[in-house]
N, C-alpha and C. Protein backbone atom coordinates (compact mmCIF):
# COMPACT_ATOMS: atom_id res chain seq x y z
N MET A 1 -19.38 21.97 -1.50
CA MET A 1 -18.69 21.05 -0.63
C MET A 1 -17.58 21.80 0.08
N SER A 2 -17.43 21.55 1.35
CA SER A 2 -16.43 22.19 2.18
C SER A 2 -15.02 21.73 1.79
N LEU A 3 -14.04 22.57 2.01
CA LEU A 3 -12.65 22.19 1.77
C LEU A 3 -12.12 21.30 2.89
N ASN A 4 -12.83 21.22 3.98
CA ASN A 4 -12.43 20.38 5.10
C ASN A 4 -12.76 18.92 4.76
N PRO A 5 -11.73 18.04 4.58
CA PRO A 5 -12.01 16.66 4.17
C PRO A 5 -12.78 15.86 5.22
N PHE A 6 -12.80 16.32 6.48
CA PHE A 6 -13.57 15.62 7.51
C PHE A 6 -15.07 15.84 7.34
N ARG A 7 -15.44 16.81 6.53
CA ARG A 7 -16.86 17.09 6.29
C ARG A 7 -17.32 16.61 4.93
N TRP A 8 -16.41 16.04 4.13
CA TRP A 8 -16.78 15.55 2.81
C TRP A 8 -17.74 14.37 2.94
N PRO A 9 -18.63 14.19 1.98
CA PRO A 9 -19.49 13.00 1.98
C PRO A 9 -18.66 11.73 1.75
N PHE A 10 -19.24 10.61 2.07
CA PHE A 10 -18.56 9.31 1.96
C PHE A 10 -17.98 9.12 0.56
N ARG A 11 -18.77 9.40 -0.46
CA ARG A 11 -18.28 9.19 -1.84
C ARG A 11 -17.05 10.03 -2.14
N ALA A 12 -17.03 11.27 -1.70
CA ALA A 12 -15.88 12.14 -1.94
C ALA A 12 -14.65 11.64 -1.18
N GLN A 13 -14.85 11.18 0.05
CA GLN A 13 -13.72 10.66 0.83
C GLN A 13 -13.15 9.40 0.18
N PHE A 14 -14.03 8.53 -0.29
CA PHE A 14 -13.54 7.31 -0.94
C PHE A 14 -12.93 7.62 -2.31
N ALA A 15 -13.46 8.61 -3.02
CA ALA A 15 -12.85 9.01 -4.29
C ALA A 15 -11.44 9.57 -4.04
N PHE A 16 -11.29 10.34 -2.97
CA PHE A 16 -9.96 10.84 -2.62
C PHE A 16 -9.01 9.69 -2.27
N GLY A 17 -9.50 8.70 -1.54
CA GLY A 17 -8.68 7.53 -1.21
C GLY A 17 -8.22 6.81 -2.47
N ALA A 18 -9.12 6.65 -3.43
CA ALA A 18 -8.76 6.02 -4.71
C ALA A 18 -7.71 6.86 -5.44
N PHE A 19 -7.92 8.17 -5.46
CA PHE A 19 -6.96 9.06 -6.11
C PHE A 19 -5.59 8.95 -5.45
N ALA A 20 -5.55 8.91 -4.13
CA ALA A 20 -4.27 8.81 -3.41
C ALA A 20 -3.56 7.51 -3.76
N CYS A 21 -4.29 6.39 -3.78
CA CYS A 21 -3.68 5.09 -4.12
C CYS A 21 -3.14 5.11 -5.55
N ILE A 22 -3.92 5.66 -6.46
CA ILE A 22 -3.49 5.72 -7.87
C ILE A 22 -2.28 6.63 -8.02
N ALA A 23 -2.25 7.74 -7.30
CA ALA A 23 -1.10 8.64 -7.37
C ALA A 23 0.15 7.96 -6.80
N LEU A 24 0.01 7.22 -5.71
CA LEU A 24 1.15 6.51 -5.14
C LEU A 24 1.67 5.44 -6.10
N LEU A 25 0.75 4.73 -6.73
CA LEU A 25 1.15 3.72 -7.72
C LEU A 25 1.82 4.37 -8.92
N ALA A 26 1.29 5.50 -9.38
CA ALA A 26 1.88 6.20 -10.51
C ALA A 26 3.31 6.62 -10.19
N TYR A 27 3.54 7.09 -8.96
CA TYR A 27 4.89 7.47 -8.59
C TYR A 27 5.81 6.25 -8.54
N ALA A 28 5.31 5.13 -8.04
CA ALA A 28 6.12 3.90 -7.99
C ALA A 28 6.51 3.48 -9.41
N TYR A 29 5.56 3.55 -10.35
CA TYR A 29 5.87 3.20 -11.74
C TYR A 29 6.81 4.22 -12.38
N TYR A 30 6.69 5.48 -12.00
CA TYR A 30 7.63 6.50 -12.47
C TYR A 30 9.05 6.15 -12.01
N GLU A 31 9.18 5.81 -10.73
CA GLU A 31 10.50 5.43 -10.20
C GLU A 31 11.05 4.21 -10.94
N GLN A 32 10.17 3.28 -11.27
CA GLN A 32 10.61 2.06 -11.94
C GLN A 32 11.00 2.32 -13.40
N PHE A 33 10.12 2.92 -14.16
CA PHE A 33 10.32 3.01 -15.60
C PHE A 33 11.08 4.25 -16.06
N VAL A 34 11.03 5.34 -15.31
CA VAL A 34 11.74 6.55 -15.70
C VAL A 34 13.08 6.66 -14.97
N MET A 35 13.06 6.41 -13.66
CA MET A 35 14.28 6.56 -12.87
C MET A 35 15.12 5.28 -12.80
N GLY A 36 14.58 4.17 -13.28
CA GLY A 36 15.34 2.93 -13.34
C GLY A 36 15.46 2.16 -12.04
N GLU A 37 14.60 2.42 -11.08
CA GLU A 37 14.61 1.71 -9.80
C GLU A 37 13.72 0.47 -9.91
N ASP A 38 14.34 -0.68 -10.09
CA ASP A 38 13.57 -1.92 -10.17
C ASP A 38 13.03 -2.29 -8.80
N PRO A 39 11.75 -2.63 -8.71
CA PRO A 39 11.17 -2.97 -7.40
C PRO A 39 11.60 -4.37 -6.96
N CYS A 40 11.80 -4.50 -5.66
CA CYS A 40 12.09 -5.82 -5.10
C CYS A 40 10.77 -6.58 -4.94
N PRO A 41 10.81 -7.87 -4.62
CA PRO A 41 9.56 -8.62 -4.46
C PRO A 41 8.60 -8.02 -3.42
N MET A 42 9.14 -7.51 -2.32
CA MET A 42 8.25 -6.93 -1.30
C MET A 42 7.60 -5.65 -1.79
N CYS A 43 8.32 -4.90 -2.62
CA CYS A 43 7.73 -3.69 -3.22
C CYS A 43 6.55 -4.06 -4.12
N ILE A 44 6.69 -5.16 -4.86
CA ILE A 44 5.61 -5.62 -5.73
C ILE A 44 4.37 -5.96 -4.89
N PHE A 45 4.56 -6.66 -3.78
CA PHE A 45 3.42 -7.00 -2.92
C PHE A 45 2.78 -5.73 -2.35
N GLN A 46 3.58 -4.72 -2.01
CA GLN A 46 3.01 -3.47 -1.51
C GLN A 46 2.19 -2.78 -2.60
N ARG A 47 2.64 -2.87 -3.84
CA ARG A 47 1.86 -2.31 -4.94
C ARG A 47 0.54 -3.05 -5.11
N ILE A 48 0.57 -4.36 -4.97
CA ILE A 48 -0.66 -5.15 -5.09
C ILE A 48 -1.67 -4.71 -4.04
N VAL A 49 -1.21 -4.43 -2.83
CA VAL A 49 -2.11 -3.97 -1.77
C VAL A 49 -2.70 -2.61 -2.13
N PHE A 50 -1.88 -1.70 -2.67
CA PHE A 50 -2.41 -0.40 -3.08
C PHE A 50 -3.42 -0.55 -4.21
N ILE A 51 -3.20 -1.49 -5.12
CA ILE A 51 -4.17 -1.73 -6.19
C ILE A 51 -5.49 -2.22 -5.59
N ALA A 52 -5.41 -3.17 -4.65
CA ALA A 52 -6.63 -3.67 -4.00
C ALA A 52 -7.36 -2.55 -3.27
N MET A 53 -6.61 -1.72 -2.56
CA MET A 53 -7.24 -0.60 -1.85
C MET A 53 -7.89 0.36 -2.83
N ALA A 54 -7.21 0.67 -3.93
CA ALA A 54 -7.78 1.59 -4.92
C ALA A 54 -9.09 1.02 -5.47
N LEU A 55 -9.11 -0.28 -5.77
CA LEU A 55 -10.35 -0.89 -6.29
C LEU A 55 -11.47 -0.83 -5.26
N LEU A 56 -11.15 -1.07 -4.00
CA LEU A 56 -12.17 -0.98 -2.94
C LEU A 56 -12.66 0.45 -2.77
N PHE A 57 -11.74 1.40 -2.80
CA PHE A 57 -12.14 2.82 -2.71
C PHE A 57 -13.04 3.20 -3.89
N ILE A 58 -12.68 2.79 -5.10
CA ILE A 58 -13.49 3.10 -6.28
C ILE A 58 -14.87 2.47 -6.16
N ALA A 59 -14.91 1.20 -5.76
CA ALA A 59 -16.21 0.51 -5.62
C ALA A 59 -17.09 1.24 -4.61
N GLY A 60 -16.51 1.64 -3.48
CA GLY A 60 -17.28 2.36 -2.46
C GLY A 60 -17.75 3.71 -2.96
N ALA A 61 -16.89 4.42 -3.69
CA ALA A 61 -17.27 5.74 -4.20
C ALA A 61 -18.37 5.64 -5.24
N VAL A 62 -18.28 4.65 -6.11
CA VAL A 62 -19.29 4.48 -7.15
C VAL A 62 -20.60 3.99 -6.55
N HIS A 63 -20.52 3.05 -5.63
CA HIS A 63 -21.72 2.46 -5.03
C HIS A 63 -22.44 3.44 -4.12
N GLY A 64 -21.70 4.17 -3.29
CA GLY A 64 -22.32 5.11 -2.36
C GLY A 64 -23.37 4.46 -1.49
N PRO A 65 -23.01 3.42 -0.73
CA PRO A 65 -24.01 2.66 0.02
C PRO A 65 -24.53 3.38 1.25
N ALA A 66 -25.54 2.76 1.85
CA ALA A 66 -26.07 3.25 3.13
C ALA A 66 -25.08 2.90 4.23
N ALA A 67 -25.45 3.15 5.47
CA ALA A 67 -24.54 3.04 6.62
C ALA A 67 -23.87 1.68 6.73
N ARG A 68 -24.61 0.60 6.63
CA ARG A 68 -24.03 -0.73 6.77
C ARG A 68 -23.03 -1.01 5.64
N GLY A 69 -23.36 -0.64 4.44
CA GLY A 69 -22.46 -0.84 3.31
C GLY A 69 -21.19 0.00 3.43
N ARG A 70 -21.33 1.23 3.97
CA ARG A 70 -20.15 2.06 4.19
C ARG A 70 -19.18 1.38 5.14
N ARG A 71 -19.74 0.78 6.17
CA ARG A 71 -18.89 0.10 7.15
C ARG A 71 -18.20 -1.12 6.54
N VAL A 72 -18.90 -1.83 5.66
CA VAL A 72 -18.30 -2.99 4.99
C VAL A 72 -17.13 -2.55 4.11
N TYR A 73 -17.35 -1.50 3.30
CA TYR A 73 -16.27 -1.00 2.46
C TYR A 73 -15.11 -0.50 3.31
N ALA A 74 -15.42 0.24 4.37
CA ALA A 74 -14.37 0.78 5.24
C ALA A 74 -13.56 -0.35 5.89
N ALA A 75 -14.25 -1.38 6.35
CA ALA A 75 -13.56 -2.51 6.98
C ALA A 75 -12.69 -3.24 5.95
N ALA A 76 -13.18 -3.41 4.74
CA ALA A 76 -12.40 -4.08 3.69
C ALA A 76 -11.13 -3.29 3.37
N VAL A 77 -11.25 -1.96 3.25
CA VAL A 77 -10.07 -1.13 3.00
C VAL A 77 -9.11 -1.22 4.18
N ALA A 78 -9.65 -1.18 5.40
CA ALA A 78 -8.79 -1.25 6.59
C ALA A 78 -8.06 -2.58 6.68
N ILE A 79 -8.71 -3.67 6.31
CA ILE A 79 -8.05 -4.98 6.31
C ILE A 79 -6.91 -4.99 5.28
N ALA A 80 -7.18 -4.47 4.10
CA ALA A 80 -6.13 -4.38 3.08
C ALA A 80 -4.98 -3.51 3.58
N ALA A 81 -5.32 -2.39 4.23
CA ALA A 81 -4.28 -1.51 4.76
C ALA A 81 -3.45 -2.22 5.83
N LEU A 82 -4.08 -3.03 6.67
CA LEU A 82 -3.34 -3.78 7.69
C LEU A 82 -2.39 -4.77 7.05
N ILE A 83 -2.82 -5.41 5.98
CA ILE A 83 -1.92 -6.31 5.25
C ILE A 83 -0.73 -5.52 4.71
N GLY A 84 -1.00 -4.34 4.16
CA GLY A 84 0.07 -3.48 3.67
C GLY A 84 1.01 -3.04 4.78
N VAL A 85 0.45 -2.72 5.94
CA VAL A 85 1.29 -2.34 7.09
C VAL A 85 2.23 -3.48 7.45
N GLY A 86 1.71 -4.70 7.45
CA GLY A 86 2.55 -5.86 7.78
C GLY A 86 3.68 -6.04 6.78
N ILE A 87 3.37 -5.91 5.49
CA ILE A 87 4.40 -6.07 4.46
C ILE A 87 5.43 -4.94 4.57
N ALA A 88 4.96 -3.70 4.71
CA ALA A 88 5.89 -2.57 4.79
C ALA A 88 6.74 -2.65 6.06
N ALA A 89 6.15 -3.07 7.17
CA ALA A 89 6.92 -3.19 8.41
C ALA A 89 8.01 -4.27 8.26
N ARG A 90 7.67 -5.37 7.64
CA ARG A 90 8.67 -6.42 7.41
C ARG A 90 9.77 -5.90 6.48
N HIS A 91 9.40 -5.14 5.46
CA HIS A 91 10.38 -4.57 4.54
C HIS A 91 11.30 -3.59 5.28
N LEU A 92 10.74 -2.76 6.13
CA LEU A 92 11.55 -1.84 6.93
C LEU A 92 12.50 -2.60 7.85
N TRP A 93 12.02 -3.67 8.45
CA TRP A 93 12.86 -4.48 9.33
C TRP A 93 14.05 -5.03 8.57
N ILE A 94 13.80 -5.51 7.35
CA ILE A 94 14.88 -6.05 6.52
C ILE A 94 15.88 -4.93 6.19
N GLN A 95 15.37 -3.73 5.89
CA GLN A 95 16.27 -2.62 5.57
C GLN A 95 17.10 -2.18 6.77
N MET A 96 16.53 -2.26 7.96
CA MET A 96 17.23 -1.79 9.16
C MET A 96 18.21 -2.81 9.73
N ASN A 97 18.10 -4.06 9.31
CA ASN A 97 19.00 -5.10 9.78
C ASN A 97 19.90 -5.51 8.63
N PRO A 98 21.18 -5.18 8.73
CA PRO A 98 22.07 -5.47 7.60
C PRO A 98 22.08 -6.96 7.28
N PRO A 99 22.13 -7.28 5.99
CA PRO A 99 22.14 -8.69 5.61
C PRO A 99 23.46 -9.37 5.98
N ASP A 100 23.40 -10.66 6.08
CA ASP A 100 24.60 -11.46 6.32
C ASP A 100 25.54 -11.26 5.14
N PRO A 101 26.81 -10.87 5.40
CA PRO A 101 27.73 -10.60 4.28
C PRO A 101 27.91 -11.80 3.34
N LEU A 102 27.76 -13.00 3.85
CA LEU A 102 27.92 -14.18 3.00
C LEU A 102 26.71 -14.38 2.08
N LEU A 103 25.55 -13.82 2.49
CA LEU A 103 24.33 -13.99 1.71
C LEU A 103 23.93 -12.72 0.97
N ALA A 104 24.72 -11.65 1.11
CA ALA A 104 24.35 -10.37 0.52
C ALA A 104 24.37 -10.45 -1.01
N GLY A 105 23.75 -9.49 -1.60
CA GLY A 105 23.64 -9.44 -3.06
C GLY A 105 22.19 -9.48 -3.45
N CYS A 106 21.94 -9.07 -4.64
CA CYS A 106 20.56 -9.02 -5.10
C CYS A 106 20.02 -10.41 -5.33
N GLY A 107 18.89 -10.64 -4.75
CA GLY A 107 18.22 -11.91 -4.97
C GLY A 107 17.46 -11.87 -6.27
N PRO A 108 16.86 -12.99 -6.65
CA PRO A 108 16.10 -13.01 -7.90
C PRO A 108 14.83 -12.16 -7.80
N GLY A 109 14.36 -11.68 -8.91
CA GLY A 109 13.14 -10.90 -8.94
C GLY A 109 11.91 -11.78 -8.73
N LEU A 110 10.79 -11.15 -8.47
CA LEU A 110 9.55 -11.88 -8.22
C LEU A 110 9.13 -12.69 -9.44
N ALA A 111 9.28 -12.15 -10.64
CA ALA A 111 8.89 -12.88 -11.85
C ALA A 111 9.67 -14.18 -11.98
N TYR A 112 10.97 -14.12 -11.73
CA TYR A 112 11.78 -15.35 -11.80
C TYR A 112 11.33 -16.34 -10.73
N MET A 113 11.10 -15.85 -9.51
CA MET A 113 10.70 -16.76 -8.43
C MET A 113 9.37 -17.44 -8.73
N LEU A 114 8.44 -16.70 -9.34
CA LEU A 114 7.15 -17.29 -9.68
C LEU A 114 7.28 -18.33 -10.78
N ASP A 115 8.24 -18.13 -11.69
CA ASP A 115 8.49 -19.11 -12.75
C ASP A 115 9.23 -20.34 -12.22
N ALA A 116 10.16 -20.13 -11.30
CA ALA A 116 11.05 -21.20 -10.87
C ALA A 116 10.53 -22.01 -9.68
N PHE A 117 9.64 -21.43 -8.88
CA PHE A 117 9.19 -22.09 -7.66
C PHE A 117 7.66 -22.17 -7.63
N PRO A 118 7.12 -23.11 -6.85
CA PRO A 118 5.67 -23.09 -6.62
C PRO A 118 5.28 -21.78 -5.93
N LEU A 119 4.03 -21.39 -6.08
CA LEU A 119 3.55 -20.10 -5.57
C LEU A 119 3.88 -19.92 -4.09
N HIS A 120 3.58 -20.92 -3.25
CA HIS A 120 3.82 -20.74 -1.81
C HIS A 120 5.31 -20.59 -1.50
N ASP A 121 6.19 -21.26 -2.24
CA ASP A 121 7.63 -21.09 -2.03
C ASP A 121 8.09 -19.72 -2.49
N ALA A 122 7.57 -19.23 -3.61
CA ALA A 122 7.95 -17.91 -4.12
C ALA A 122 7.53 -16.82 -3.13
N ILE A 123 6.33 -16.93 -2.59
CA ILE A 123 5.86 -15.93 -1.62
C ILE A 123 6.71 -15.99 -0.35
N ARG A 124 7.00 -17.20 0.12
CA ARG A 124 7.84 -17.35 1.32
C ARG A 124 9.21 -16.74 1.09
N LYS A 125 9.82 -17.02 -0.06
CA LYS A 125 11.14 -16.46 -0.37
C LYS A 125 11.09 -14.94 -0.47
N ALA A 126 10.00 -14.41 -1.03
CA ALA A 126 9.87 -12.95 -1.15
C ALA A 126 9.81 -12.30 0.23
N PHE A 127 9.13 -12.94 1.19
CA PHE A 127 8.98 -12.35 2.51
C PHE A 127 10.18 -12.59 3.41
N THR A 128 11.02 -13.54 3.09
CA THR A 128 12.24 -13.70 3.88
C THR A 128 13.24 -12.63 3.47
N GLY A 129 13.03 -12.03 2.33
CA GLY A 129 13.84 -10.90 1.91
C GLY A 129 15.11 -11.34 1.21
N SER A 130 15.46 -10.60 0.23
CA SER A 130 16.70 -10.85 -0.48
C SER A 130 17.58 -9.62 -0.32
N GLY A 131 18.75 -9.68 -0.89
CA GLY A 131 19.67 -8.55 -0.78
C GLY A 131 19.06 -7.26 -1.29
N ASP A 132 18.30 -7.34 -2.39
CA ASP A 132 17.74 -6.10 -2.93
C ASP A 132 16.60 -5.55 -2.09
N CYS A 133 15.95 -6.37 -1.28
CA CYS A 133 14.92 -5.85 -0.38
C CYS A 133 15.54 -5.04 0.75
N GLY A 134 16.80 -5.32 1.08
CA GLY A 134 17.48 -4.60 2.13
C GLY A 134 18.20 -3.36 1.66
N ASP A 135 18.36 -3.21 0.35
CA ASP A 135 19.05 -2.04 -0.20
C ASP A 135 18.17 -0.80 -0.03
N VAL A 136 18.80 0.29 0.38
CA VAL A 136 18.10 1.57 0.49
C VAL A 136 18.68 2.48 -0.58
N ARG A 137 17.92 2.70 -1.65
CA ARG A 137 18.38 3.54 -2.75
C ARG A 137 17.55 4.81 -2.89
N TRP A 138 16.56 4.99 -2.04
CA TRP A 138 15.66 6.13 -2.17
C TRP A 138 15.25 6.58 -0.78
N ARG A 139 15.31 7.86 -0.54
CA ARG A 139 14.83 8.46 0.72
C ARG A 139 14.18 9.80 0.39
N PHE A 140 13.17 10.13 1.19
CA PHE A 140 12.56 11.45 1.14
C PHE A 140 12.33 11.86 2.58
N LEU A 141 12.89 13.00 2.97
CA LEU A 141 12.84 13.47 4.36
C LEU A 141 13.41 12.42 5.32
N GLY A 142 14.38 11.67 4.84
CA GLY A 142 15.04 10.66 5.68
C GLY A 142 14.28 9.36 5.82
N ILE A 143 13.15 9.23 5.15
CA ILE A 143 12.31 8.03 5.26
C ILE A 143 12.40 7.26 3.94
N THR A 144 12.60 5.95 4.04
CA THR A 144 12.70 5.12 2.85
C THR A 144 11.32 4.86 2.26
N MET A 145 11.30 4.29 1.06
CA MET A 145 10.02 4.04 0.38
C MET A 145 9.08 3.14 1.20
N PRO A 146 9.56 2.03 1.79
CA PRO A 146 8.62 1.24 2.61
C PRO A 146 8.12 2.01 3.83
N GLY A 147 8.92 2.94 4.33
CA GLY A 147 8.45 3.78 5.44
C GLY A 147 7.29 4.66 5.01
N TRP A 148 7.42 5.23 3.82
CA TRP A 148 6.33 6.06 3.30
C TRP A 148 5.08 5.23 3.00
N THR A 149 5.28 4.03 2.45
CA THR A 149 4.10 3.21 2.17
C THR A 149 3.40 2.86 3.48
N LEU A 150 4.17 2.57 4.53
CA LEU A 150 3.56 2.27 5.83
C LEU A 150 2.73 3.46 6.32
N ILE A 151 3.30 4.66 6.22
CA ILE A 151 2.56 5.87 6.63
C ILE A 151 1.26 6.00 5.83
N TRP A 152 1.33 5.79 4.52
CA TRP A 152 0.13 5.91 3.68
C TRP A 152 -0.90 4.82 3.98
N TYR A 153 -0.44 3.61 4.26
CA TYR A 153 -1.39 2.55 4.64
C TYR A 153 -2.16 2.96 5.89
N VAL A 154 -1.45 3.47 6.88
CA VAL A 154 -2.10 3.89 8.13
C VAL A 154 -3.07 5.03 7.88
N LEU A 155 -2.64 6.05 7.14
CA LEU A 155 -3.51 7.20 6.87
C LEU A 155 -4.75 6.80 6.07
N LEU A 156 -4.56 6.02 5.01
CA LEU A 156 -5.69 5.63 4.17
C LEU A 156 -6.63 4.67 4.90
N GLY A 157 -6.07 3.75 5.68
CA GLY A 157 -6.91 2.82 6.45
C GLY A 157 -7.73 3.57 7.50
N ALA A 158 -7.07 4.49 8.21
CA ALA A 158 -7.79 5.28 9.22
C ALA A 158 -8.84 6.18 8.56
N GLY A 159 -8.49 6.76 7.42
CA GLY A 159 -9.45 7.61 6.70
C GLY A 159 -10.66 6.83 6.24
N ALA A 160 -10.44 5.60 5.77
CA ALA A 160 -11.57 4.77 5.35
C ALA A 160 -12.47 4.43 6.54
N LEU A 161 -11.85 4.09 7.68
CA LEU A 161 -12.66 3.79 8.87
C LEU A 161 -13.46 5.02 9.32
N TYR A 162 -12.83 6.18 9.26
CA TYR A 162 -13.53 7.41 9.62
C TYR A 162 -14.72 7.64 8.68
N ALA A 163 -14.48 7.48 7.39
CA ALA A 163 -15.55 7.70 6.40
C ALA A 163 -16.68 6.70 6.60
N GLY A 164 -16.35 5.47 6.96
CA GLY A 164 -17.37 4.44 7.10
C GLY A 164 -18.18 4.53 8.37
N TRP A 165 -17.59 5.06 9.43
CA TRP A 165 -18.28 5.06 10.72
C TRP A 165 -18.74 6.44 11.19
N ARG A 166 -18.39 7.48 10.51
CA ARG A 166 -18.84 8.80 10.98
C ARG A 166 -20.32 9.00 10.68
N ARG A 167 -20.91 9.87 11.42
CA ARG A 167 -22.32 10.18 11.18
C ARG A 167 -22.41 11.22 10.07
N PRO A 168 -23.30 11.00 9.13
CA PRO A 168 -23.45 11.98 8.04
C PRO A 168 -23.83 13.35 8.59
N GLN A 169 -23.29 14.39 7.96
CA GLN A 169 -23.60 15.76 8.36
C GLN A 169 -24.99 16.12 7.84
N PRO A 170 -25.78 16.81 8.64
CA PRO A 170 -27.10 17.24 8.14
C PRO A 170 -26.93 18.24 6.99
N ALA A 171 -27.85 18.19 6.05
CA ALA A 171 -27.82 19.11 4.90
C ALA A 171 -28.13 20.52 5.37
N ARG A 172 -27.44 21.47 4.76
CA ARG A 172 -27.67 22.88 5.13
C ARG A 172 -28.43 23.59 4.07
């Protein structure tokens, strides 16, 4: 197999996508449990999207379908990635717009909101953002965590579409 990922077979590309999602999730859990960075509600939703993408990538890699099936898996991953892009973009918007000083402070965690409110109210409250969703406590190369998740959603979604719609290379 070539080292060029654009020439990898569909299964290898989807296996790499699954590995990338799992590695990103592992780092998020490392930040949470080792470094003590508790995730805000929007971070939890971004993790859920990465879990869904990892499961779709794994299913596609294990199944190894024909052309139509590849496109279905690729479209499903791309839809999940678009959902992730929306969540990450909203999270970035909250981080870039300072909270109202009268409403600032850490809001309740997602677990509390799910216990205290009906599901639709908890999700709505999570997406309106709380003080902790606007806090920036981590940066790498000047980009915050939701910025990096947005970049990864775009890369993985585009990679899945490429894998699903490219023409297979002839055997040599």
